[in-house]
C-alpha atoms as a PDB file:
ATOM      1  CA  UNK A   1      -2.132  -5.111   8.183  1.00  0.00           C
ATOM      2  CA  UNK A   2       1.635  -5.343   8.062  1.00  0.00           C
ATOM      3  CA  UNK A   3       3.597  -4.614   4.882  1.00  0.00           C
ATOM      4  CA  UNK A   4       7.177  -5.628   4.151  1.00  0.00           C
ATOM      5  CA  UNK A   5       8.952  -3.666   1.431  1.00  0.00           C
ATOM      6  CA  UNK A   6      11.772  -4.419  -0.985  1.00  0.00           C
ATOM      7  CA  UNK A   7      14.937  -2.351  -1.466  1.00  0.00           C
ATOM      8  CA  UNK A   8      13.024   0.245  -3.517  1.00  0.00           C
ATOM      9  CA  UNK A   9      10.335   0.713  -0.854  1.00  0.00           C
ATOM     10  CA  UNK A  10       7.649  -1.134  -2.834  1.00  0.00           C
ATOM     11  CA  UNK A  11       5.468  -3.691  -1.023  1.00  0.00           C
ATOM     12  CA  UNK A  12       6.730  -7.270  -1.327  1.00  0.00           C
ATOM     13  CA  UNK A  13       4.794  -9.109   1.421  1.00  0.00           C
ATOM     14  CA  UNK A  14       1.476  -8.302   3.102  1.00  0.00           C
ATOM     15  CA  UNK A  15       0.336  -9.895   6.349  1.00  0.00           C
ATOM     16  CA  UNK A  16      -3.421  -9.692   5.971  1.00  0.00           C
ATOM     17  CA  UNK A  17      -5.911 -11.268   8.412  1.00  0.00           C
ATOM     18  CA  UNK A  18      -3.122 -13.399   9.873  1.00  0.00           C
ATOM     19  CA  UNK A  19      -1.964 -14.680   6.483  1.00  0.00           C
ATOM     20  CA  UNK A  20       1.437 -13.872   4.999  1.00  0.00           C
ATOM     21  CA  UNK A  21       0.946 -13.198   1.282  1.00  0.00           C
ATOM     22  CA  UNK A  22       3.596 -12.428  -1.310  1.00  0.00           C
ATOM     23  CA  UNK A  23       2.981  -9.551  -3.715  1.00  0.00           C
ATOM     24  CA  UNK A  24       3.137 -11.288  -7.081  1.00  0.00           C
ATOM     25  CA  UNK A  25       2.629  -8.085  -9.124  1.00  0.00           C
ATOM     26  CA  UNK A  26       2.244  -4.364  -8.684  1.00  0.00           C
ATOM     27  CA  UNK A  27      -0.273  -3.348 -11.302  1.00  0.00           C
ATOM     28  CA  UNK A  28      -0.363   0.389 -10.683  1.00  0.00           C
ATOM     29  CA  UNK A  29       1.299   3.024  -8.481  1.00  0.00           C
ATOM     30  CA  UNK A  30       0.123   6.592  -7.896  1.00  0.00           C
ATOM     31  CA  UNK A  31       0.658   9.367  -5.398  1.00  0.00           C
ATOM     32  CA  UNK A  32      -1.781  11.847  -3.886  1.00  0.00           C
ATOM     33  CA  UNK A  33      -0.822  15.192  -2.395  1.00  0.00           C
ATOM     34  CA  UNK A  34      -3.907  17.066  -1.213  1.00  0.00           C
ATOM     35  CA  UNK A  35      -5.331  19.588   1.236  1.00  0.00           C
ATOM     36  CA  UNK A  36      -2.019  21.390   1.719  1.00  0.00           C
ATOM     37  CA  UNK A  37      -4.007  24.375   3.032  1.00  0.00           C
ATOM     38  CA  UNK A  38      -5.480  22.351   5.952  1.00  0.00           C
ATOM     39  CA  UNK A  39      -4.029  19.101   7.193  1.00  0.00           C
ATOM     40  CA  UNK A  40      -1.861  17.814   4.359  1.00  0.00           C
ATOM     41  CA  UNK A  41      -2.484  14.380   2.840  1.00  0.00           C
ATOM     42  CA  UNK A  42       0.495  12.652   1.273  1.00  0.00           C
ATOM     43  CA  UNK A  43      -0.015   9.027   0.222  1.00  0.00           C
ATOM     44  CA  UNK A  44       1.489   6.524  -2.201  1.00  0.00           C
ATOM     45  CA  UNK A  45      -1.048   3.996  -3.475  1.00  0.00           C
ATOM     46  CA  UNK A  46      -0.382   0.537  -4.914  1.00  0.00           C
ATOM     47  CA  UNK A  47      -2.794  -1.728  -6.762  1.00  0.00           C
ATOM     48  CA  UNK A  48      -1.277  -5.112  -5.924  1.00  0.00           C
ATOM     49  CA  UNK A  49      -1.910  -8.717  -6.861  1.00  0.00           C
ATOM     50  CA  UNK A  50      -1.273 -11.100  -3.967  1.00  0.00           C
ATOM     51  CA  UNK A  51      -0.792 -14.880  -3.871  1.00  0.00           C
ATOM     52  CA  UNK A  52      -3.998 -16.662  -4.764  1.00  0.00           C
ATOM     53  CA  UNK A  53      -5.167 -13.926  -7.140  1.00  0.00           C
ATOM     54  CA  UNK A  54      -6.234 -11.485  -4.425  1.00  0.00           C
ATOM     55  CA  UNK A  55      -6.336  -7.936  -5.815  1.00  0.00           C
ATOM     56  CA  UNK A  56      -6.046  -5.110  -3.257  1.00  0.00           C
ATOM     57  CA  UNK A  57      -5.370  -1.392  -3.148  1.00  0.00           C
ATOM     58  CA  UNK A  58      -3.073  -0.397  -0.307  1.00  0.00           C
ATOM     59  CA  UNK A  59      -1.383   2.875   0.503  1.00  0.00           C
ATOM     60  CA  UNK A  60       1.394   4.236   2.640  1.00  0.00           C
ATOM     61  CA  UNK A  61       0.792   7.444   4.550  1.00  0.00           C
ATOM     62  CA  UNK A  62       3.989   9.291   3.708  1.00  0.00           C
ATOM     63  CA  UNK A  63       3.645  11.574   6.744  1.00  0.00           C
ATOM     64  CA  UNK A  64       3.887   8.761   9.328  1.00  0.00           C
ATOM     65  CA  UNK A  65       4.996   5.755   7.246  1.00  0.00           C
ATOM     66  CA  UNK A  66       1.979   3.593   8.213  1.00  0.00           C
ATOM     67  CA  UNK A  67       0.296   1.254   5.703  1.00  0.00           C
ATOM     68  CA  UNK A  68      -3.465   0.935   5.128  1.00  0.00           C
ATOM     69  CA  UNK A  69      -5.883  -0.920   2.885  1.00  0.00           C
ATOM     70  CA  UNK A  70      -8.120   1.285   0.744  1.00  0.00           C
ATOM     71  CA  UNK A  71     -11.804   0.457   1.241  1.00  0.00           C
ATOM     72  CA  UNK A  72     -14.615   1.438  -1.058  1.00  0.00           C
END
């Protein structure tokens, strides 16, 4: 999955399974900071609505900048 961001760093386009989809709405944003005593987890999550009504939760790993889709 590839994510393009806008000037604020929010996702604006997601290339998902070979399809380029525009983020039509960001419905929720939250951040998780956890396990600072072991291997720290720092992520920013987005609940996004894509073209065609596809609802997905994606997150950016703030340690390495990579984007992932949340499963489960």
